[in-house]
Amino acid sequence: MRKLSCLLTGLMLTAVPGVCMAQMTADTRLGVGHSVTDADLRAYFSIPPSGKGLPAGSGTALQGETVFTESCAACHGEQLQGNMAPGIGADKLIGGRGSLATNNPVKTTESYWPYATTLFDYVKRAMPFNAPGSLTDDQVYSVVAYILAQGKIIKADETLDATTLPKVKMPNRDGFIADPRPELSLYR
């Protein structure tokens, strides 16, 4: 797996085939750059459904309510109902269960997201909209716990962390069809 991540990183970030970023060092001749650390590389890879790579930390819905109010409600609404105001609007986060197969699908954490780890990853990288990546790991666990508790996916008193988050069963986890694309067999 490490060879694969090195190869992917090398291809994505350096355009020098076969070079692993983790093996690259600073250019001492020019006095620029630094050796790439595992922490540097983590910024370029998402958290898979298994939860591998989830950071330390934890959070509860109670803690998440504060984070949500301060960092999320302006766009997603105080009741997670969404805010469609031009220029600041964002989708609703709860509701919509069972709506994907209807003429009016509502994509929310309840109806669409198959894994809670994916939700964590998205919030960590992309939210809040005006300052993506600015939330601490504890804040991300907390706000995800709040969203999931408001959607009745977890109990309000549950604590989410790297162990418990991957075990959360999302309502539409089994609502997706595997995509066995033939071209995937061409990749090693």
C-alpha atoms as a PDB file:
ATOM      1  CA  MET A   1       0.000   0.000   0.000  1.00  0.00           C
ATOM      2  CA  ARG A   2       2.846   2.401   0.792  1.00  0.00           C
ATOM      3  CA  LYS A   3       4.321   1.853  -2.674  1.00  0.00           C
ATOM      4  CA  LEU A   4       0.935   2.643  -4.217  1.00  0.00           C
ATOM      5  CA  SER A   5       0.526   5.846  -2.214  1.00  0.00           C
ATOM      6  CA  CYS A   6       4.075   6.890  -3.086  1.00  0.00           C
ATOM      7  CA  LEU A   7       3.444   6.242  -6.763  1.00  0.00           C
ATOM      8  CA  LEU A   8       0.143   8.128  -6.727  1.00  0.00           C
ATOM      9  CA  THR A   9       1.652  11.018  -4.828  1.00  0.00           C
ATOM     10  CA  GLY A  10       4.616  11.103  -7.148  1.00  0.00           C
ATOM     11  CA  LEU A  11       2.376  11.223 -10.178  1.00  0.00           C
ATOM     12  CA  MET A  12       0.000  13.784  -8.718  1.00  0.00           C
ATOM     13  CA  LEU A  13       2.465  16.180  -7.204  1.00  0.00           C
ATOM     14  CA  THR A  14       5.750  15.938  -9.027  1.00  0.00           C
ATOM     15  CA  ALA A  15       5.120  14.773 -12.580  1.00  0.00           C
ATOM     16  CA  VAL A  16       8.330  12.760 -12.172  1.00  0.00           C
ATOM     17  CA  PRO A  17       7.346   9.124 -12.783  1.00  0.00           C
ATOM     18  CA  GLY A  18       8.459   6.617 -10.170  1.00  0.00           C
ATOM     19  CA  VAL A  19       9.575   9.184  -7.583  1.00  0.00           C
ATOM     20  CA  CYS A  20       8.031   8.897  -4.143  1.00  0.00           C
ATOM     21  CA  MET A  21       7.436  12.278  -2.501  1.00  0.00           C
ATOM     22  CA  ALA A  22       8.179  10.780   0.909  1.00  0.00           C
ATOM     23  CA  GLN A  23      11.676   9.990  -0.345  1.00  0.00           C
ATOM     24  CA  MET A  24      12.314  13.466  -1.745  1.00  0.00           C
ATOM     25  CA  THR A  25      14.356  15.898   0.281  1.00  0.00           C
ATOM     26  CA  ALA A  26      14.861  19.625   0.182  1.00  0.00           C
ATOM     27  CA  ASP A  27      17.099  21.046  -2.519  1.00  0.00           C
ATOM     28  CA  THR A  28      20.073  22.176  -0.455  1.00  0.00           C
ATOM     29  CA  ARG A  29      21.743  23.759  -3.479  1.00  0.00           C
ATOM     30  CA  LEU A  30      18.980  26.348  -3.796  1.00  0.00           C
ATOM     31  CA  GLY A  31      17.949  26.496  -0.149  1.00  0.00           C
ATOM     32  CA  VAL A  32      14.291  25.765  -0.885  1.00  0.00           C
ATOM     33  CA  GLY A  33      11.824  23.063  -0.011  1.00  0.00           C
ATOM     34  CA  HIS A  34      11.606  20.505   2.751  1.00  0.00           C
ATOM     35  CA  SER A  35      11.278  16.765   3.096  1.00  0.00           C
ATOM     36  CA  VAL A  36       7.677  15.685   2.715  1.00  0.00           C
ATOM     37  CA  THR A  37       6.215  14.196   5.881  1.00  0.00           C
ATOM     38  CA  ASP A  38       3.364  11.740   6.314  1.00  0.00           C
ATOM     39  CA  ALA A  39       1.317  14.670   7.644  1.00  0.00           C
ATOM     40  CA  ASP A  40       1.939  16.536   4.375  1.00  0.00           C
ATOM     41  CA  LEU A  41       0.729  13.551   2.371  1.00  0.00           C
ATOM     42  CA  ARG A  42      -2.416  13.065   4.468  1.00  0.00           C
ATOM     43  CA  ALA A  43      -3.752  16.335   3.103  1.00  0.00           C
ATOM     44  CA  TYR A  44      -4.058  14.725  -0.342  1.00  0.00           C
ATOM     45  CA  PHE A  45      -5.854  11.496   0.530  1.00  0.00           C
ATOM     46  CA  SER A  46      -9.398  11.029   1.726  1.00  0.00           C
ATOM     47  CA  ILE A  47     -10.703   8.895   4.564  1.00  0.00           C
ATOM     48  CA  PRO A  48     -12.118   5.605   3.205  1.00  0.00           C
ATOM     49  CA  PRO A  49     -15.288   3.910   4.523  1.00  0.00           C
ATOM     50  CA  SER A  50     -13.146   1.750   6.821  1.00  0.00           C
ATOM     51  CA  GLY A  51     -12.024   4.877   8.684  1.00  0.00           C
ATOM     52  CA  LYS A  52      -8.340   4.169   8.075  1.00  0.00           C
ATOM     53  CA  GLY A  53      -6.458   7.387   8.609  1.00  0.00           C
ATOM     54  CA  LEU A  54      -9.024   9.059  10.845  1.00  0.00           C
ATOM     55  CA  PRO A  55      -7.266  11.434  13.209  1.00  0.00           C
ATOM     56  CA  ALA A  56      -7.227  11.284  16.988  1.00  0.00           C
ATOM     57  CA  GLY A  57      -9.895  13.261  18.739  1.00  0.00           C
ATOM     58  CA  SER A  58     -13.573  12.932  19.563  1.00  0.00           C
ATOM     59  CA  GLY A  59     -16.791  14.848  19.760  1.00  0.00           C
ATOM     60  CA  THR A  60     -20.412  14.737  20.839  1.00  0.00           C
ATOM     61  CA  ALA A  61     -23.595  16.239  19.441  1.00  0.00           C
ATOM     62  CA  LEU A  62     -23.789  18.638  22.386  1.00  0.00           C
ATOM     63  CA  GLN A  63     -20.326  19.997  21.570  1.00  0.00           C
ATOM     64  CA  GLY A  64     -21.195  19.969  17.874  1.00  0.00           C
ATOM     65  CA  GLU A  65     -24.255  22.159  18.363  1.00  0.00           C
ATOM     66  CA  THR A  66     -21.977  25.013  19.412  1.00  0.00           C
ATOM     67  CA  VAL A  67     -19.615  24.470  16.479  1.00  0.00           C
ATOM     68  CA  PHE A  68     -22.560  24.233  14.077  1.00  0.00           C
ATOM     69  CA  THR A  69     -24.119  27.441  15.390  1.00  0.00           C
ATOM     70  CA  GLU A  70     -20.832  29.333  15.078  1.00  0.00           C
ATOM     71  CA  SER A  71     -19.495  27.892  11.821  1.00  0.00           C
ATOM     72  CA  CYS A  72     -22.296  26.249   9.833  1.00  0.00           C
ATOM     73  CA  ALA A  73     -25.743  27.697  10.573  1.00  0.00           C
ATOM     74  CA  ALA A  74     -25.291  30.828   8.460  1.00  0.00           C
ATOM     75  CA  CYS A  75     -25.232  28.669   5.335  1.00  0.00           C
ATOM     76  CA  HIS A  76     -27.065  25.484   6.362  1.00  0.00           C
ATOM     77  CA  GLY A  77     -29.734  27.106   8.560  1.00  0.00           C
ATOM     78  CA  GLU A  78     -30.207  26.974  12.309  1.00  0.00           C
ATOM     79  CA  GLN A  79     -32.281  23.791  12.029  1.00  0.00           C
ATOM     80  CA  LEU A  80     -30.082  22.229   9.294  1.00  0.00           C
ATOM     81  CA  GLN A  81     -32.897  23.037   6.864  1.00  0.00           C
ATOM     82  CA  GLY A  82     -30.644  24.708   4.302  1.00  0.00           C
ATOM     83  CA  ASN A  83     -30.417  28.309   3.247  1.00  0.00           C
ATOM     84  CA  MET A  84     -31.009  29.016  -0.391  1.00  0.00           C
ATOM     85  CA  ALA A  85     -30.203  32.746  -0.198  1.00  0.00           C
ATOM     86  CA  PRO A  86     -28.197  33.801  -3.247  1.00  0.00           C
ATOM     87  CA  GLY A  87     -24.476  33.988  -2.570  1.00  0.00           C
ATOM     88  CA  ILE A  88     -24.537  32.320   0.844  1.00  0.00           C
ATOM     89  CA  GLY A  89     -26.955  29.453   0.495  1.00  0.00           C
ATOM     90  CA  ALA A  90     -26.183  25.825   1.183  1.00  0.00           C
ATOM     91  CA  ASP A  91     -28.115  22.578   1.044  1.00  0.00           C
ATOM     92  CA  LYS A  92     -30.189  21.160   3.839  1.00  0.00           C
ATOM     93  CA  LEU A  93     -28.399  18.493   5.829  1.00  0.00           C
ATOM     94  CA  ILE A  94     -31.221  16.351   7.227  1.00  0.00           C
ATOM     95  CA  GLY A  95     -34.448  14.845   5.930  1.00  0.00           C
ATOM     96  CA  GLY A  96     -35.129  13.336   2.534  1.00  0.00           C
ATOM     97  CA  ARG A  97     -34.961   9.669   3.540  1.00  0.00           C
ATOM     98  CA  GLY A  98     -36.340   7.460   0.804  1.00  0.00           C
ATOM     99  CA  SER A  99     -36.540  10.335  -1.674  1.00  0.00           C
ATOM    100  CA  LEU A 100     -33.728   9.378  -4.049  1.00  0.00           C
ATOM    101  CA  ALA A 101     -35.906   7.045  -6.126  1.00  0.00           C
ATOM    102  CA  THR A 102     -38.671   9.648  -6.443  1.00  0.00           C
ATOM    103  CA  ASN A 103     -39.209  12.471  -8.929  1.00  0.00           C
ATOM    104  CA  ASN A 104     -38.061  14.941  -6.256  1.00  0.00           C
ATOM    105  CA  PRO A 105     -34.913  13.519  -4.668  1.00  0.00           C
ATOM    106  CA  VAL A 106     -33.508  15.371  -1.665  1.00  0.00           C
ATOM    107  CA  LYS A 107     -29.797  14.719  -1.181  1.00  0.00           C
ATOM    108  CA  THR A 108     -28.891  15.004   2.493  1.00  0.00           C
ATOM    109  CA  THR A 109     -26.766  13.131   4.997  1.00  0.00           C
ATOM    110  CA  GLU A 110     -29.809  10.973   5.743  1.00  0.00           C
ATOM    111  CA  SER A 111     -30.770  10.149   2.190  1.00  0.00           C
ATOM    112  CA  TYR A 112     -27.558  10.109   0.222  1.00  0.00           C
ATOM    113  CA  TRP A 113     -24.289   9.724   2.126  1.00  0.00           C
ATOM    114  CA  PRO A 114     -23.385   6.030   2.370  1.00  0.00           C
ATOM    115  CA  TYR A 115     -20.650   6.353   5.022  1.00  0.00           C
ATOM    116  CA  ALA A 116     -20.208   8.592   8.055  1.00  0.00           C
ATOM    117  CA  THR A 117     -16.449   8.585   7.427  1.00  0.00           C
ATOM    118  CA  THR A 118     -17.046  10.278   4.072  1.00  0.00           C
ATOM    119  CA  LEU A 119     -19.075  12.973   5.811  1.00  0.00           C
ATOM    120  CA  PHE A 120     -16.221  13.504   8.282  1.00  0.00           C
ATOM    121  CA  ASP A 121     -13.717  13.761   5.435  1.00  0.00           C
ATOM    122  CA  TYR A 122     -15.842  16.276   3.538  1.00  0.00           C
ATOM    123  CA  VAL A 123     -16.456  18.485   6.576  1.00  0.00           C
ATOM    124  CA  LYS A 124     -12.754  18.368   7.499  1.00  0.00           C
ATOM    125  CA  ARG A 125     -11.561  19.384   4.046  1.00  0.00           C
ATOM    126  CA  ALA A 126     -14.270  21.668   2.706  1.00  0.00           C
ATOM    127  CA  MET A 127     -16.068  23.306   5.617  1.00  0.00           C
ATOM    128  CA  PRO A 128     -16.818  25.909   6.645  1.00  0.00           C
ATOM    129  CA  PHE A 129     -17.156  27.362   3.172  1.00  0.00           C
ATOM    130  CA  ASN A 130     -15.444  30.626   4.097  1.00  0.00           C
ATOM    131  CA  ALA A 131     -12.510  28.884   5.849  1.00  0.00           C
ATOM    132  CA  PRO A 132     -12.149  25.273   4.639  1.00  0.00           C
ATOM    133  CA  GLY A 133      -9.975  23.063   6.807  1.00  0.00           C
ATOM    134  CA  SER A 134     -10.033  25.487   9.730  1.00  0.00           C
ATOM    135  CA  LEU A 135     -11.938  23.238  12.154  1.00  0.00           C
ATOM    136  CA  THR A 136      -9.936  21.132  14.599  1.00  0.00           C
ATOM    137  CA  ASP A 137     -10.371  17.362  14.513  1.00  0.00           C
ATOM    138  CA  ASP A 138     -12.424  17.527  17.730  1.00  0.00           C
ATOM    139  CA  GLN A 139     -14.676  20.174  16.155  1.00  0.00           C
ATOM    140  CA  VAL A 140     -15.172  18.042  13.048  1.00  0.00           C
ATOM    141  CA  TYR A 141     -16.077  14.959  15.100  1.00  0.00           C
ATOM    142  CA  SER A 142     -18.457  17.144  17.118  1.00  0.00           C
ATOM    143  CA  VAL A 143     -20.242  18.775  14.197  1.00  0.00           C
ATOM    144  CA  VAL A 144     -20.580  15.414  12.424  1.00  0.00           C
ATOM    145  CA  ALA A 145     -22.045  13.972  15.645  1.00  0.00           C
ATOM    146  CA  TYR A 146     -24.492  16.885  15.782  1.00  0.00           C
ATOM    147  CA  ILE A 147     -25.615  16.428  12.169  1.00  0.00           C
ATOM    148  CA  LEU A 148     -26.008  12.662  12.616  1.00  0.00           C
ATOM    149  CA  ALA A 149     -27.874  13.074  15.915  1.00  0.00           C
ATOM    150  CA  GLN A 150     -30.235  15.665  14.411  1.00  0.00           C
ATOM    151  CA  GLY A 151     -30.960  13.172  11.624  1.00  0.00           C
ATOM    152  CA  LYS A 152     -31.645  10.437  14.212  1.00  0.00           C
ATOM    153  CA  ILE A 153     -28.762   8.355  12.829  1.00  0.00           C
ATOM    154  CA  ILE A 154     -26.945   8.234  16.164  1.00  0.00           C
ATOM    155  CA  LYS A 155     -28.101   8.953  19.699  1.00  0.00           C
ATOM    156  CA  ALA A 156     -27.523  12.477  20.949  1.00  0.00           C
ATOM    157  CA  ASP A 157     -25.262  11.254  23.765  1.00  0.00           C
ATOM    158  CA  GLU A 158     -22.931   9.150  21.588  1.00  0.00           C
ATOM    159  CA  THR A 159     -19.281  10.104  21.250  1.00  0.00           C
ATOM    160  CA  LEU A 160     -17.710   9.878  17.805  1.00  0.00           C
ATOM    161  CA  ASP A 161     -14.024   9.113  17.344  1.00  0.00           C
ATOM    162  CA  ALA A 162     -11.786   7.075  15.045  1.00  0.00           C
ATOM    163  CA  THR A 163     -13.203   3.821  16.463  1.00  0.00           C
ATOM    164  CA  THR A 164     -16.916   4.639  16.622  1.00  0.00           C
ATOM    165  CA  LEU A 165     -17.347   6.730  13.457  1.00  0.00           C
ATOM    166  CA  PRO A 166     -16.715   3.890  10.953  1.00  0.00           C
ATOM    167  CA  LYS A 167     -19.315   1.779  12.784  1.00  0.00           C
ATOM    168  CA  VAL A 168     -22.133   4.274  12.153  1.00  0.00           C
ATOM    169  CA  LYS A 169     -24.679   2.709   9.801  1.00  0.00           C
ATOM    170  CA  MET A 170     -25.941   5.400   7.459  1.00  0.00           C
ATOM    171  CA  PRO A 171     -29.598   5.070   6.359  1.00  0.00           C
ATOM    172  CA  ASN A 172     -28.791   4.702   2.651  1.00  0.00           C
ATOM    173  CA  ARG A 173     -25.589   2.676   2.926  1.00  0.00           C
ATOM    174  CA  ASP A 174     -27.135  -0.184   0.967  1.00  0.00           C
ATOM    175  CA  GLY A 175     -28.906   2.085  -1.524  1.00  0.00           C
ATOM    176  CA  PHE A 176     -26.072   2.175  -4.019  1.00  0.00           C
ATOM    177  CA  ILE A 177     -25.290  -0.225  -6.865  1.00  0.00           C
ATOM    178  CA  ALA A 178     -21.690  -1.298  -7.353  1.00  0.00           C
ATOM    179  CA  ASP A 179     -20.119   0.103 -10.512  1.00  0.00           C
ATOM    180  CA  PRO A 180     -18.038  -2.697 -12.012  1.00  0.00           C
ATOM    181  CA  ARG A 181     -16.553  -0.614 -14.804  1.00  0.00           C
ATOM    182  CA  PRO A 182     -14.646  -2.766 -17.232  1.00  0.00           C
ATOM    183  CA  GLU A 183     -11.819  -0.267 -17.530  1.00  0.00           C
ATOM    184  CA  LEU A 184     -10.906  -0.795 -13.886  1.00  0.00           C
ATOM    185  CA  SER A 185      -9.434  -4.151 -14.879  1.00  0.00           C
ATOM    186  CA  LEU A 186      -6.800  -2.242 -16.861  1.00  0.00           C
ATOM    187  CA  TYR A 187      -5.335  -0.712 -13.709  1.00  0.00           C
ATOM    188  CA  ARG A 188      -2.991  -2.560 -11.382  1.00  0.00           C
END
